[in-house]
Amino acid sequence: MPRHRFTDTKERIGRAAIGLFVKKGVAETTVRDIAQAVDISEGALYRHFAGKEELVWELFERHYLAFAGRLQALADSEPTARGKLGAMIRGFCQAHDDDPTLFHFLLFVQHGQLSKLATDTPTPVTVMHTVLSAAMAGGEIPRQDANLASALAMGIVLQPMTFAAYGRLPQAQAPNAERLIAAAWAAVTTV
């Protein structure tokens, strides 16, 4: 069944916007820039989105929550805390390498969007927190502040990807996965 033209245009707008937001920044990207990138009028863009802020929010929410679901499935596929952490970190690396532009968009705009999520919304952070809290409760890692443990593990994973976004590290992160896993595991097991 062919996709509806409206949906295809909306997806094209989203893809172009993500690329522009990463390249130029959200504040510096105009609705006109996005419309020109998709070869539609600004009015046509407004038929799909009420404005740039709505577009940013919709793109962030959809992709961020989908990524959280992917991480949860990876964690659920492993029986041990170390296996769960390893699967999630490989998942971060794979997501980054599969679509660096989308990953960088999520990384760069999260600070302006996270507060809009409902408190009980599953996110990559809550998935990590849940896994590490369960590992503490099960005696697999030492008891500690679960928020700090989550921050340590995620920082170890996300900072190299931030460096990659700015050209300070190679784009591909999958080759670093095992080293990141070892570093994250050391961070959450050494208190």
Protein backbone atom coordinates (compact mmCIF):
# COMPACT_ATOMS: atom_id res chain seq x y z
CA MET A 1 0.00 0.00 0.00
CA PRO A 2 1.56 3.33 -1.00
CA ARG A 3 2.18 5.88 1.71
CA HIS A 4 -0.04 8.91 1.84
CA ARG A 5 1.49 12.01 0.29
CA PHE A 6 0.77 14.06 3.43
CA THR A 7 2.75 11.61 5.57
CA ASP A 8 5.62 11.54 3.09
CA THR A 9 5.84 15.34 3.08
CA LYS A 10 5.73 15.46 6.87
CA GLU A 11 8.56 12.91 7.04
CA ARG A 12 10.59 14.89 4.49
CA ILE A 13 10.06 18.04 6.55
CA GLY A 14 11.21 16.22 9.69
CA ARG A 15 14.32 14.79 8.07
CA ALA A 16 15.32 18.15 6.56
CA ALA A 17 14.64 19.98 9.82
CA ILE A 18 16.76 17.54 11.85
CA GLY A 19 19.66 18.05 9.43
CA LEU A 20 19.36 21.82 9.59
CA PHE A 21 18.97 21.89 13.38
CA VAL A 22 22.19 19.91 13.76
CA LYS A 23 24.09 21.90 11.15
CA LYS A 24 22.92 25.43 12.01
CA GLY A 25 21.30 25.12 15.42
CA VAL A 26 17.61 25.32 16.26
CA ALA A 27 17.63 29.07 16.96
CA GLU A 28 19.45 29.83 13.73
CA THR A 29 17.24 27.63 11.53
CA THR A 30 14.15 29.36 10.16
CA VAL A 31 10.89 27.93 8.90
CA ARG A 32 11.89 29.34 5.53
CA ASP A 33 15.16 27.34 5.64
CA ILE A 34 13.23 24.13 6.31
CA ALA A 35 10.61 24.83 3.64
CA GLN A 36 13.33 25.56 1.08
CA ALA A 37 15.19 22.36 1.96
CA VAL A 38 12.03 20.35 1.25
CA ASP A 39 11.07 22.49 -1.76
CA ILE A 40 7.68 23.52 -0.38
CA SER A 41 6.19 26.86 0.58
CA GLU A 42 6.25 28.07 4.16
CA GLY A 43 2.44 27.87 4.11
CA ALA A 44 2.63 24.20 3.16
CA LEU A 45 4.98 23.57 6.06
CA TYR A 46 2.49 25.22 8.43
CA ARG A 47 -0.18 22.74 7.27
CA HIS A 48 1.96 20.04 8.88
CA PHE A 49 3.31 21.88 11.93
CA ALA A 50 2.04 24.96 13.80
CA GLY A 51 5.58 26.30 13.98
CA LYS A 52 9.23 25.50 14.52
CA GLU A 53 8.86 24.82 18.25
CA GLU A 54 6.12 22.27 17.62
CA LEU A 55 8.28 20.65 14.95
CA VAL A 56 11.28 20.40 17.30
CA TRP A 57 9.11 18.97 20.07
CA GLU A 58 7.37 16.41 17.86
CA LEU A 59 10.64 15.20 16.36
CA PHE A 60 12.35 15.03 19.73
CA GLU A 61 9.52 13.27 21.53
CA ARG A 62 8.95 10.66 18.82
CA HIS A 63 12.60 9.72 18.36
CA TYR A 64 13.65 10.03 22.01
CA LEU A 65 10.85 7.80 23.25
CA ALA A 66 11.44 5.29 20.46
CA PHE A 67 15.10 5.13 21.47
CA ALA A 68 14.11 4.59 25.12
CA GLY A 69 11.93 1.67 24.00
CA ARG A 70 14.84 0.24 22.02
CA LEU A 71 17.14 0.47 25.04
CA GLN A 72 14.54 -1.17 27.26
CA ALA A 73 14.19 -4.08 24.83
CA LEU A 74 17.97 -4.49 24.76
CA ALA A 75 18.16 -4.46 28.56
CA ASP A 76 15.30 -6.94 28.79
CA SER A 77 17.13 -9.32 26.46
CA GLU A 78 19.96 -9.86 28.96
CA PRO A 79 19.83 -11.68 32.32
CA THR A 80 22.66 -9.90 34.18
CA ALA A 81 23.36 -6.28 35.05
CA ARG A 82 26.64 -6.32 33.12
CA GLY A 83 24.87 -7.86 30.12
CA LYS A 84 22.10 -5.27 30.28
CA LEU A 85 24.58 -2.40 30.51
CA GLY A 86 26.62 -3.83 27.65
CA ALA A 87 23.57 -4.32 25.43
CA MET A 88 22.40 -0.77 26.09
CA ILE A 89 25.81 0.76 25.40
CA ARG A 90 26.11 -1.22 22.17
CA GLY A 91 22.62 0.09 21.39
CA PHE A 92 23.76 3.67 21.95
CA CYS A 93 26.73 3.11 19.64
CA GLN A 94 24.61 1.43 16.98
CA ALA A 95 21.97 4.18 17.08
CA HIS A 96 24.69 6.79 16.76
CA ASP A 97 26.38 5.03 13.86
CA ASP A 98 23.11 4.23 12.05
CA ASP A 99 22.01 7.87 12.01
CA PRO A 100 24.55 10.30 13.49
CA THR A 101 22.49 13.33 12.49
CA LEU A 102 19.41 12.10 14.35
CA PHE A 103 21.51 11.08 17.35
CA HIS A 104 23.19 14.49 17.48
CA PHE A 105 19.79 16.20 17.18
CA LEU A 106 18.53 14.28 20.22
CA LEU A 107 21.73 15.03 22.10
CA PHE A 108 21.73 18.75 21.27
CA VAL A 109 18.05 19.60 21.81
CA GLN A 110 17.30 17.44 24.84
CA HIS A 111 18.00 20.21 27.35
CA GLY A 112 15.23 22.36 25.92
CA GLN A 113 12.76 19.51 25.56
CA LEU A 114 13.11 17.12 28.53
CA SER A 115 11.05 19.31 30.84
CA LYS A 116 8.06 18.90 28.49
CA LEU A 117 7.91 15.14 29.03
CA ALA A 118 5.49 13.76 31.58
CA THR A 119 7.30 12.75 34.77
CA ASP A 120 6.55 9.05 34.31
CA THR A 121 7.63 8.91 30.64
CA PRO A 122 10.20 6.17 29.99
CA THR A 123 13.39 7.79 28.67
CA PRO A 124 16.91 6.53 28.04
CA VAL A 125 17.85 7.99 31.43
CA THR A 126 15.04 6.20 33.27
CA VAL A 127 15.89 2.93 31.53
CA MET A 128 19.52 3.24 32.70
CA HIS A 129 18.38 4.24 36.19
CA THR A 130 16.01 1.26 36.42
CA VAL A 131 18.67 -1.21 35.28
CA LEU A 132 21.25 0.12 37.73
CA SER A 133 18.74 0.31 40.61
CA ALA A 134 17.76 -3.32 40.01
CA ALA A 135 21.45 -4.27 39.89
CA MET A 136 21.95 -2.65 43.29
CA ALA A 137 18.87 -4.33 44.74
CA GLY A 138 20.08 -7.69 43.39
CA GLY A 139 23.59 -7.23 44.78
CA GLU A 140 25.24 -7.18 41.32
CA ILE A 141 26.73 -3.74 41.91
CA PRO A 142 27.39 -1.86 45.17
CA ARG A 143 24.63 0.28 46.65
CA GLN A 144 25.11 3.91 45.67
CA ASP A 145 23.17 6.91 44.46
CA ALA A 146 21.36 5.54 41.40
CA ASN A 147 21.18 8.99 39.81
CA LEU A 148 24.93 9.45 40.09
CA ALA A 149 25.57 5.92 38.77
CA SER A 150 23.28 6.63 35.80
CA ALA A 151 24.99 9.95 35.15
CA LEU A 152 28.43 8.32 35.26
CA ALA A 153 27.47 5.52 32.86
CA MET A 154 25.67 7.79 30.43
CA GLY A 155 28.42 10.41 30.52
CA ILE A 156 31.00 7.80 29.60
CA VAL A 157 28.87 6.83 26.60
CA LEU A 158 27.60 10.21 25.44
CA GLN A 159 30.71 12.35 25.75
CA PRO A 160 32.61 10.50 22.98
CA MET A 161 29.53 10.89 20.77
CA THR A 162 29.54 14.60 21.50
CA PHE A 163 33.22 14.70 20.52
CA ALA A 164 32.31 12.86 17.30
CA ALA A 165 29.63 15.48 16.56
CA TYR A 166 32.28 18.19 16.71
CA GLY A 167 34.84 16.22 14.68
CA ARG A 168 37.16 15.52 17.61
CA LEU A 169 36.66 11.76 17.31
CA PRO A 170 35.83 9.57 14.33
CA GLN A 171 32.12 9.34 13.56
CA ALA A 172 31.85 5.57 14.08
CA GLN A 173 31.34 4.67 17.73
CA ALA A 174 30.69 0.91 17.50
CA PRO A 175 34.46 0.22 17.53
CA ASN A 176 34.56 1.89 20.96
CA ALA A 177 31.66 -0.08 22.45
CA GLU A 178 33.65 -2.62 24.46
CA ARG A 179 35.92 0.05 25.93
CA LEU A 180 32.88 2.17 26.84
CA ILE A 181 31.23 -0.87 28.45
CA ALA A 182 34.35 -1.60 30.52
CA ALA A 183 34.62 2.05 31.61
CA ALA A 184 30.92 2.30 32.49
CA TRP A 185 31.03 -0.98 34.40
CA ALA A 186 34.07 0.23 36.35
CA ALA A 187 32.28 3.51 37.12
CA VAL A 188 29.21 1.78 38.58
CA THR A 189 31.07 -0.94 40.46
CA THR A 190 33.75 1.20 42.09
CA VAL A 191 32.38 3.22 44.99
